[in-house]
Structures are given as C-alpha cells and as structure tokens.
Amino acid sequence: MHRLSQRELARRAGVTNSTISLVEKNKNSPSLASLKKVLDGIPMDLASQISVASRVDAFR
C-alpha cells in the first residue's frame, strides 16, 4: 500500500488537510462527494480499498 501523508492525500483529493484529519479521527462523516474525492486521491483500485476497509472494521 502507498503511504501518503494527510497533507498529500488532501492535495490529491482536493479537500482540506483538516477534512482528512477529522475523518481519520472518526469525528466527521464526509459527504458522498467528499468521500469520492478522497478515494480518488488514494492510488489504489476500489476492490483493494474495500478489502482494506473490511479488515479495519474487523479489527475494531
């Protein structure tokens, strides 16, 4: 997996660094439009993103 800083992901996604930080801390639920921007900023295909998300959910 590519390691991106919050700042780099925000830049790629076209959202603020604050938005990325709040989502990571589970203090903000992004709109679908913002979520799509963030996912588009991650250099990973959708199937891989879903796989990672399911592993994170299982860990919680």
N, C-alpha and C. Protein backbone atom coordinates (compact mmCIF):
# COMPACT_ATOMS: atom_id res chain seq x y z
N MET A 1 0.85 -1.17 0.00
CA MET A 1 0.00 0.00 0.00
C MET A 1 0.90 1.23 0.00
N HIS A 2 0.45 2.25 -0.70
CA HIS A 2 1.19 3.51 -0.73
C HIS A 2 0.96 4.26 0.56
N ARG A 3 2.02 4.84 1.07
CA ARG A 3 1.91 5.62 2.30
C ARG A 3 1.84 7.09 1.92
N LEU A 4 0.70 7.71 2.22
CA LEU A 4 0.50 9.12 1.93
C LEU A 4 0.36 9.89 3.24
N SER A 5 0.92 11.06 3.27
CA SER A 5 0.66 11.93 4.42
C SER A 5 -0.74 12.51 4.27
N GLN A 6 -1.29 12.99 5.37
CA GLN A 6 -2.60 13.64 5.31
C GLN A 6 -2.55 14.80 4.32
N ARG A 7 -1.48 15.56 4.38
CA ARG A 7 -1.35 16.73 3.51
C ARG A 7 -1.35 16.34 2.04
N GLU A 8 -0.60 15.28 1.69
CA GLU A 8 -0.53 14.83 0.30
C GLU A 8 -1.87 14.26 -0.15
N LEU A 9 -2.53 13.49 0.69
CA LEU A 9 -3.85 12.96 0.33
C LEU A 9 -4.84 14.09 0.14
N ALA A 10 -4.83 15.07 1.03
CA ALA A 10 -5.73 16.22 0.89
C ALA A 10 -5.47 16.95 -0.43
N ARG A 11 -4.20 17.14 -0.76
CA ARG A 11 -3.86 17.82 -2.01
C ARG A 11 -4.37 17.03 -3.22
N ARG A 12 -4.13 15.72 -3.21
CA ARG A 12 -4.58 14.88 -4.33
C ARG A 12 -6.10 14.83 -4.44
N ALA A 13 -6.77 14.85 -3.29
CA ALA A 13 -8.23 14.72 -3.26
C ALA A 13 -8.94 16.05 -3.46
N GLY A 14 -8.22 17.15 -3.29
CA GLY A 14 -8.86 18.46 -3.44
C GLY A 14 -9.72 18.83 -2.25
N VAL A 15 -9.34 18.32 -1.07
CA VAL A 15 -10.04 18.68 0.17
C VAL A 15 -9.00 19.23 1.14
N THR A 16 -9.45 19.75 2.26
CA THR A 16 -8.51 20.32 3.22
C THR A 16 -7.85 19.22 4.06
N ASN A 17 -6.69 19.54 4.58
CA ASN A 17 -5.99 18.64 5.49
C ASN A 17 -6.87 18.38 6.72
N SER A 18 -7.59 19.41 7.15
CA SER A 18 -8.49 19.28 8.30
C SER A 18 -9.57 18.23 8.04
N THR A 19 -10.09 18.20 6.83
CA THR A 19 -11.11 17.21 6.48
C THR A 19 -10.56 15.80 6.64
N ILE A 20 -9.36 15.56 6.11
CA ILE A 20 -8.74 14.24 6.21
C ILE A 20 -8.53 13.88 7.68
N SER A 21 -8.02 14.82 8.46
CA SER A 21 -7.75 14.58 9.88
C SER A 21 -9.02 14.21 10.63
N LEU A 22 -10.09 14.96 10.41
CA LEU A 22 -11.35 14.69 11.12
C LEU A 22 -11.93 13.33 10.75
N VAL A 23 -11.83 12.96 9.49
CA VAL A 23 -12.34 11.65 9.05
C VAL A 23 -11.50 10.54 9.68
N GLU A 24 -10.18 10.70 9.69
CA GLU A 24 -9.31 9.68 10.30
C GLU A 24 -9.61 9.49 11.78
N LYS A 25 -9.96 10.58 12.45
CA LYS A 25 -10.25 10.52 13.89
C LYS A 25 -11.70 10.13 14.17
N ASN A 26 -12.46 9.84 13.09
CA ASN A 26 -13.87 9.47 13.20
C ASN A 26 -14.69 10.57 13.86
N LYS A 27 -14.31 11.83 13.60
CA LYS A 27 -15.04 12.97 14.15
C LYS A 27 -15.87 13.67 13.09
N ASN A 28 -15.83 13.15 11.87
CA ASN A 28 -16.57 13.74 10.77
C ASN A 28 -16.93 12.63 9.79
N SER A 29 -18.16 12.64 9.35
CA SER A 29 -18.59 11.72 8.30
C SER A 29 -18.65 12.52 7.00
N PRO A 30 -17.80 12.21 6.05
CA PRO A 30 -17.77 13.00 4.82
C PRO A 30 -19.01 12.77 3.98
N SER A 31 -19.37 13.77 3.20
CA SER A 31 -20.44 13.60 2.23
C SER A 31 -19.97 12.58 1.19
N LEU A 32 -20.90 12.06 0.41
CA LEU A 32 -20.51 11.11 -0.63
C LEU A 32 -19.56 11.76 -1.63
N ALA A 33 -19.79 13.03 -1.94
CA ALA A 33 -18.91 13.73 -2.88
C ALA A 33 -17.50 13.84 -2.31
N SER A 34 -17.38 14.19 -1.03
CA SER A 34 -16.06 14.30 -0.40
C SER A 34 -15.40 12.93 -0.30
N LEU A 35 -16.18 11.91 0.03
CA LEU A 35 -15.64 10.56 0.12
C LEU A 35 -15.09 10.10 -1.22
N LYS A 36 -15.82 10.38 -2.30
CA LYS A 36 -15.35 10.02 -3.63
C LYS A 36 -14.04 10.74 -3.94
N LYS A 37 -13.94 12.02 -3.59
CA LYS A 37 -12.69 12.76 -3.83
C LYS A 37 -11.53 12.11 -3.08
N VAL A 38 -11.77 11.76 -1.83
CA VAL A 38 -10.71 11.14 -1.02
C VAL A 38 -10.31 9.80 -1.62
N LEU A 39 -11.28 8.97 -1.96
CA LEU A 39 -10.97 7.66 -2.55
C LEU A 39 -10.23 7.81 -3.87
N ASP A 40 -10.61 8.82 -4.66
CA ASP A 40 -9.92 9.06 -5.93
C ASP A 40 -8.48 9.51 -5.70
N GLY A 41 -8.21 10.10 -4.54
CA GLY A 41 -6.86 10.56 -4.22
C GLY A 41 -5.93 9.47 -3.76
N ILE A 42 -6.48 8.29 -3.46
CA ILE A 42 -5.68 7.17 -2.98
C ILE A 42 -5.28 6.31 -4.18
N PRO A 43 -3.98 6.10 -4.40
CA PRO A 43 -3.53 5.33 -5.56
C PRO A 43 -3.75 3.83 -5.36
N MET A 44 -5.03 3.42 -5.38
CA MET A 44 -5.39 2.02 -5.13
C MET A 44 -6.73 1.78 -5.82
N ASP A 45 -6.93 0.60 -6.39
CA ASP A 45 -8.21 0.32 -7.03
C ASP A 45 -9.30 0.11 -5.98
N LEU A 46 -10.55 0.24 -6.41
CA LEU A 46 -11.69 0.17 -5.49
C LEU A 46 -11.76 -1.15 -4.74
N ALA A 47 -11.49 -2.26 -5.40
CA ALA A 47 -11.54 -3.57 -4.73
C ALA A 47 -10.55 -3.63 -3.58
N SER A 48 -9.36 -3.08 -3.78
CA SER A 48 -8.36 -3.06 -2.71
C SER A 48 -8.80 -2.16 -1.57
N GLN A 49 -9.41 -1.01 -1.90
CA GLN A 49 -9.89 -0.10 -0.87
C GLN A 49 -10.95 -0.78 -0.01
N ILE A 50 -11.85 -1.51 -0.63
CA ILE A 50 -12.91 -2.21 0.11
C ILE A 50 -12.29 -3.30 0.98
N SER A 51 -11.31 -4.02 0.47
CA SER A 51 -10.64 -5.06 1.24
C SER A 51 -9.97 -4.49 2.48
N VAL A 52 -9.27 -3.37 2.32
CA VAL A 52 -8.62 -2.71 3.46
C VAL A 52 -9.66 -2.26 4.46
N ALA A 53 -10.75 -1.65 3.98
CA ALA A 53 -11.79 -1.16 4.88
C ALA A 53 -12.41 -2.30 5.68
N SER A 54 -12.62 -3.45 5.06
CA SER A 54 -13.22 -4.58 5.78
C SER A 54 -12.27 -5.12 6.84
N ARG A 55 -10.97 -5.10 6.57
CA ARG A 55 -10.00 -5.54 7.58
C ARG A 55 -9.94 -4.57 8.74
N VAL A 56 -10.05 -3.28 8.46
CA VAL A 56 -10.06 -2.28 9.53
C VAL A 56 -11.30 -2.47 10.39
N ASP A 57 -12.46 -2.67 9.76
CA ASP A 57 -13.70 -2.89 10.52
C ASP A 57 -13.60 -4.13 11.39
N ALA A 58 -12.99 -5.18 10.88
CA ALA A 58 -12.84 -6.42 11.66
C ALA A 58 -11.93 -6.21 12.86
N PHE A 59 -10.94 -5.34 12.71
CA PHE A 59 -10.01 -5.04 13.79
C PHE A 59 -10.69 -4.29 14.92
N ARG A 60 -11.62 -3.42 14.57
CA ARG A 60 -12.31 -2.60 15.57
C ARG A 60 -13.20 -3.48 16.37
